[in-house]
Amino acid sequence: MEKLQLSRKRKTDAEKPRMDPLMRALKALHSAGSPEAMTPEELAAEVYAACGDPFWILLAHRNNRFARQYSLLGADLVCSGHAHGGIVRLPGTEGLFSHDLDLFPSYTAGLYEENGSVLFVTRGLGNSGPSFRVFNRPEIAVLTLRRAEG
């Protein structure tokens, strides 16, 4: 029986392909939480540098940063879920308590628009750690994106 041997030749810096700005942005997303992770503003700058003025979707955990930060970045759609629907909801309200126990939180579930950007917040299926939901049914959301006419 013949053994197959694999050898790897290390590439010199000149032989390595250059990483374009979009790939750097994706790598930064992968390393989120590390000290060298990008800020949302740096990520937006990379997206625009790589793609001009694209349609882009920002996945952002903290829905409560939408008005003061995420909507100003230029993303067409921001998807979030941190609020879990407001934990405790009263019928016809946004929520009584947030996940962080703030009173009367904003942007807890559904669609919102601010500064030309749209935020979608899902209530999700559950919570991390022991918790409860009152008048706040879990959900699985399906978003369908369609190209605008003309």
C-alpha atoms as a PDB file:
ATOM      1  CA  MET A   1       0.000   0.000   0.000  1.00  0.00           C
ATOM      2  CA  GLU A   2       1.384   3.344  -1.044  1.00  0.00           C
ATOM      3  CA  LYS A   3       1.301   6.305   1.323  1.00  0.00           C
ATOM      4  CA  LEU A   4       0.230   9.637  -0.059  1.00  0.00           C
ATOM      5  CA  GLN A   5       2.310  12.512   1.188  1.00  0.00           C
ATOM      6  CA  LEU A   6       1.140  16.072   1.020  1.00  0.00           C
ATOM      7  CA  SER A   7       3.561  18.926   1.155  1.00  0.00           C
ATOM      8  CA  ARG A   8       2.619  22.533   1.545  1.00  0.00           C
ATOM      9  CA  LYS A   9       4.697  25.321   0.170  1.00  0.00           C
ATOM     10  CA  ARG A  10       4.394  28.538   2.143  1.00  0.00           C
ATOM     11  CA  LYS A  11       3.556  31.552   0.020  1.00  0.00           C
ATOM     12  CA  THR A  12       5.702  34.614   0.203  1.00  0.00           C
ATOM     13  CA  ASP A  13       4.000  37.948   0.865  1.00  0.00           C
ATOM     14  CA  ALA A  14       4.294  38.792  -2.823  1.00  0.00           C
ATOM     15  CA  GLU A  15       2.475  35.563  -3.774  1.00  0.00           C
ATOM     16  CA  LYS A  16      -0.370  36.006  -1.282  1.00  0.00           C
ATOM     17  CA  PRO A  17      -3.548  37.504  -2.743  1.00  0.00           C
ATOM     18  CA  ARG A  18      -4.428  40.964  -1.392  1.00  0.00           C
ATOM     19  CA  MET A  19      -7.466  41.011   0.849  1.00  0.00           C
ATOM     20  CA  ASP A  20     -10.034  43.447  -0.530  1.00  0.00           C
ATOM     21  CA  PRO A  21     -11.983  45.763   1.822  1.00  0.00           C
ATOM     22  CA  LEU A  22     -15.120  43.601   1.793  1.00  0.00           C
ATOM     23  CA  MET A  23     -13.144  40.522   2.823  1.00  0.00           C
ATOM     24  CA  ARG A  24     -11.502  42.550   5.613  1.00  0.00           C
ATOM     25  CA  ALA A  25     -14.972  43.563   6.780  1.00  0.00           C
ATOM     26  CA  LEU A  26     -16.146  39.944   6.753  1.00  0.00           C
ATOM     27  CA  LYS A  27     -13.037  38.885   8.645  1.00  0.00           C
ATOM     28  CA  ALA A  28     -13.759  41.623  11.191  1.00  0.00           C
ATOM     29  CA  LEU A  29     -17.284  40.263  11.615  1.00  0.00           C
ATOM     30  CA  HIS A  30     -15.811  36.839  12.250  1.00  0.00           C
ATOM     31  CA  SER A  31     -13.524  38.238  14.937  1.00  0.00           C
ATOM     32  CA  ALA A  32     -16.205  40.325  16.663  1.00  0.00           C
ATOM     33  CA  GLY A  33     -15.531  40.556  20.359  1.00  0.00           C
ATOM     34  CA  SER A  34     -11.770  40.493  19.931  1.00  0.00           C
ATOM     35  CA  PRO A  35      -9.741  43.637  20.664  1.00  0.00           C
ATOM     36  CA  GLU A  36      -9.224  44.311  16.941  1.00  0.00           C
ATOM     37  CA  ALA A  37     -12.933  44.017  16.052  1.00  0.00           C
ATOM     38  CA  MET A  38     -14.370  46.838  13.926  1.00  0.00           C
ATOM     39  CA  THR A  39     -16.823  49.395  15.175  1.00  0.00           C
ATOM     40  CA  PRO A  40     -20.098  49.678  13.222  1.00  0.00           C
ATOM     41  CA  GLU A  41     -18.780  52.930  11.719  1.00  0.00           C
ATOM     42  CA  GLU A  42     -15.558  51.251  10.539  1.00  0.00           C
ATOM     43  CA  LEU A  43     -17.574  48.390   9.053  1.00  0.00           C
ATOM     44  CA  ALA A  44     -19.773  50.859   7.149  1.00  0.00           C
ATOM     45  CA  ALA A  45     -16.684  52.634   5.808  1.00  0.00           C
ATOM     46  CA  GLU A  46     -15.290  49.293   4.582  1.00  0.00           C
ATOM     47  CA  VAL A  47     -18.583  48.394   2.891  1.00  0.00           C
ATOM     48  CA  TYR A  48     -18.710  51.732   1.054  1.00  0.00           C
ATOM     49  CA  ALA A  49     -15.016  51.529   0.116  1.00  0.00           C
ATOM     50  CA  ALA A  50     -15.498  48.059  -1.353  1.00  0.00           C
ATOM     51  CA  CYS A  51     -18.888  48.441  -3.007  1.00  0.00           C
ATOM     52  CA  GLY A  52     -19.679  52.102  -3.583  1.00  0.00           C
ATOM     53  CA  ASP A  53     -23.305  52.616  -2.576  1.00  0.00           C
ATOM     54  CA  PRO A  54     -24.727  49.088  -2.289  1.00  0.00           C
ATOM     55  CA  PHE A  55     -27.932  47.720  -0.806  1.00  0.00           C
ATOM     56  CA  TRP A  56     -26.680  46.316   2.470  1.00  0.00           C
ATOM     57  CA  ILE A  57     -28.041  44.592   5.528  1.00  0.00           C
ATOM     58  CA  LEU A  58     -26.546  45.156   8.958  1.00  0.00           C
ATOM     59  CA  LEU A  59     -27.008  42.404  11.547  1.00  0.00           C
ATOM     60  CA  ALA A  60     -26.843  44.221  14.878  1.00  0.00           C
ATOM     61  CA  HIS A  61     -27.649  42.658  18.214  1.00  0.00           C
ATOM     62  CA  ARG A  62     -28.589  45.805  20.150  1.00  0.00           C
ATOM     63  CA  ASN A  63     -31.841  47.198  18.747  1.00  0.00           C
ATOM     64  CA  ASN A  64     -31.735  50.154  21.156  1.00  0.00           C
ATOM     65  CA  ARG A  65     -28.786  51.650  19.216  1.00  0.00           C
ATOM     66  CA  PHE A  66     -30.817  52.001  16.008  1.00  0.00           C
ATOM     67  CA  ALA A  67     -31.862  55.667  16.181  1.00  0.00           C
ATOM     68  CA  ARG A  68     -28.611  57.135  17.501  1.00  0.00           C
ATOM     69  CA  GLN A  69     -26.102  54.900  15.687  1.00  0.00           C
ATOM     70  CA  TYR A  70     -27.158  52.199  13.231  1.00  0.00           C
ATOM     71  CA  SER A  71     -29.671  54.272  11.229  1.00  0.00           C
ATOM     72  CA  LEU A  72     -26.937  56.838  10.568  1.00  0.00           C
ATOM     73  CA  LEU A  73     -24.584  54.296   8.954  1.00  0.00           C
ATOM     74  CA  GLY A  74     -26.577  54.088   5.718  1.00  0.00           C
ATOM     75  CA  ALA A  75     -27.571  50.419   5.905  1.00  0.00           C
ATOM     76  CA  ASP A  76     -30.805  49.799   4.040  1.00  0.00           C
ATOM     77  CA  LEU A  77     -31.975  47.177   6.525  1.00  0.00           C
ATOM     78  CA  VAL A  78     -30.885  46.519  10.101  1.00  0.00           C
ATOM     79  CA  CYS A  79     -31.915  43.186  11.649  1.00  0.00           C
ATOM     80  CA  SER A  80     -31.898  42.876  15.418  1.00  0.00           C
ATOM     81  CA  GLY A  81     -33.437  40.882  18.216  1.00  0.00           C
ATOM     82  CA  HIS A  82     -31.991  41.854  21.615  1.00  0.00           C
ATOM     83  CA  ALA A  83     -35.293  43.196  22.972  1.00  0.00           C
ATOM     84  CA  HIS A  84     -37.104  39.840  22.745  1.00  0.00           C
ATOM     85  CA  GLY A  85     -40.335  41.769  22.257  1.00  0.00           C
ATOM     86  CA  GLY A  86     -40.072  43.706  25.486  1.00  0.00           C
ATOM     87  CA  ILE A  87     -40.224  40.657  27.829  1.00  0.00           C
ATOM     88  CA  VAL A  88     -43.440  41.913  29.443  1.00  0.00           C
ATOM     89  CA  ARG A  89     -45.904  43.464  27.001  1.00  0.00           C
ATOM     90  CA  LEU A  90     -49.255  45.021  27.601  1.00  0.00           C
ATOM     91  CA  PRO A  91     -51.732  44.673  24.738  1.00  0.00           C
ATOM     92  CA  GLY A  92     -51.216  47.528  22.263  1.00  0.00           C
ATOM     93  CA  THR A  93     -47.844  48.638  23.682  1.00  0.00           C
ATOM     94  CA  GLU A  94     -44.207  48.289  22.659  1.00  0.00           C
ATOM     95  CA  GLY A  95     -43.393  46.604  25.934  1.00  0.00           C
ATOM     96  CA  LEU A  96     -43.428  47.317  29.623  1.00  0.00           C
ATOM     97  CA  PHE A  97     -39.902  46.067  30.424  1.00  0.00           C
ATOM     98  CA  SER A  98     -36.911  45.552  28.179  1.00  0.00           C
ATOM     99  CA  HIS A  99     -34.494  42.662  28.383  1.00  0.00           C
ATOM    100  CA  ASP A 100     -32.281  45.030  30.408  1.00  0.00           C
ATOM    101  CA  LEU A 101     -35.262  45.867  32.698  1.00  0.00           C
ATOM    102  CA  ASP A 102     -35.650  49.405  31.330  1.00  0.00           C
ATOM    103  CA  LEU A 103     -39.222  50.735  31.474  1.00  0.00           C
ATOM    104  CA  PHE A 104     -41.189  51.278  28.237  1.00  0.00           C
ATOM    105  CA  PRO A 105     -38.461  50.353  25.734  1.00  0.00           C
ATOM    106  CA  SER A 106     -38.579  51.318  22.056  1.00  0.00           C
ATOM    107  CA  TYR A 107     -37.893  49.145  19.007  1.00  0.00           C
ATOM    108  CA  THR A 108     -38.981  45.901  20.649  1.00  0.00           C
ATOM    109  CA  ALA A 109     -40.671  44.012  17.776  1.00  0.00           C
ATOM    110  CA  GLY A 110     -41.566  44.674  14.155  1.00  0.00           C
ATOM    111  CA  LEU A 111     -40.504  47.248  11.566  1.00  0.00           C
ATOM    112  CA  TYR A 112     -39.273  50.783  12.249  1.00  0.00           C
ATOM    113  CA  GLU A 113     -37.878  53.479   9.966  1.00  0.00           C
ATOM    114  CA  GLU A 114     -35.430  56.225  10.849  1.00  0.00           C
ATOM    115  CA  ASN A 115     -33.029  58.331   8.738  1.00  0.00           C
ATOM    116  CA  GLY A 116     -33.774  56.334   5.574  1.00  0.00           C
ATOM    117  CA  SER A 117     -32.894  53.018   7.230  1.00  0.00           C
ATOM    118  CA  VAL A 118     -35.322  50.263   8.238  1.00  0.00           C
ATOM    119  CA  LEU A 119     -34.990  48.211  11.421  1.00  0.00           C
ATOM    120  CA  PHE A 120     -36.571  44.784  11.811  1.00  0.00           C
ATOM    121  CA  VAL A 121     -36.680  43.404  15.351  1.00  0.00           C
ATOM    122  CA  THR A 122     -37.800  39.865  16.006  1.00  0.00           C
ATOM    123  CA  ARG A 123     -39.180  38.711  19.346  1.00  0.00           C
ATOM    124  CA  GLY A 124     -37.265  35.457  18.897  1.00  0.00           C
ATOM    125  CA  LEU A 125     -37.953  32.100  20.454  1.00  0.00           C
ATOM    126  CA  GLY A 126     -36.601  32.448  23.952  1.00  0.00           C
ATOM    127  CA  ASN A 127     -34.349  34.276  26.357  1.00  0.00           C
ATOM    128  CA  SER A 128     -30.906  33.587  27.732  1.00  0.00           C
ATOM    129  CA  GLY A 129     -31.013  32.417  31.301  1.00  0.00           C
ATOM    130  CA  PRO A 130     -34.105  32.056  33.449  1.00  0.00           C
ATOM    131  CA  SER A 131     -36.803  34.400  32.264  1.00  0.00           C
ATOM    132  CA  PHE A 132     -40.472  34.663  31.412  1.00  0.00           C
ATOM    133  CA  ARG A 133     -42.736  36.287  28.824  1.00  0.00           C
ATOM    134  CA  VAL A 134     -46.078  37.930  29.471  1.00  0.00           C
ATOM    135  CA  PHE A 135     -48.329  38.764  26.461  1.00  0.00           C
ATOM    136  CA  ASN A 136     -45.207  38.287  24.355  1.00  0.00           C
ATOM    137  CA  ARG A 137     -45.483  35.276  22.087  1.00  0.00           C
ATOM    138  CA  PRO A 138     -42.259  33.849  20.633  1.00  0.00           C
ATOM    139  CA  GLU A 139     -41.815  34.082  16.876  1.00  0.00           C
ATOM    140  CA  ILE A 140     -39.767  32.816  13.987  1.00  0.00           C
ATOM    141  CA  ALA A 141     -39.476  35.560  11.402  1.00  0.00           C
ATOM    142  CA  VAL A 142     -39.029  35.094   7.666  1.00  0.00           C
ATOM    143  CA  LEU A 143     -38.013  38.170   5.681  1.00  0.00           C
ATOM    144  CA  THR A 144     -38.491  38.177   1.923  1.00  0.00           C
ATOM    145  CA  LEU A 145     -36.511  40.804   0.055  1.00  0.00           C
ATOM    146  CA  ARG A 146     -37.556  41.855  -3.427  1.00  0.00           C
ATOM    147  CA  ARG A 147     -35.786  44.148  -5.857  1.00  0.00           C
ATOM    148  CA  ALA A 148     -37.599  47.446  -6.327  1.00  0.00           C
ATOM    149  CA  GLU A 149     -39.199  48.052  -9.724  1.00  0.00           C
ATOM    150  CA  GLY A 150     -37.464  50.537 -12.005  1.00  0.00           C
END
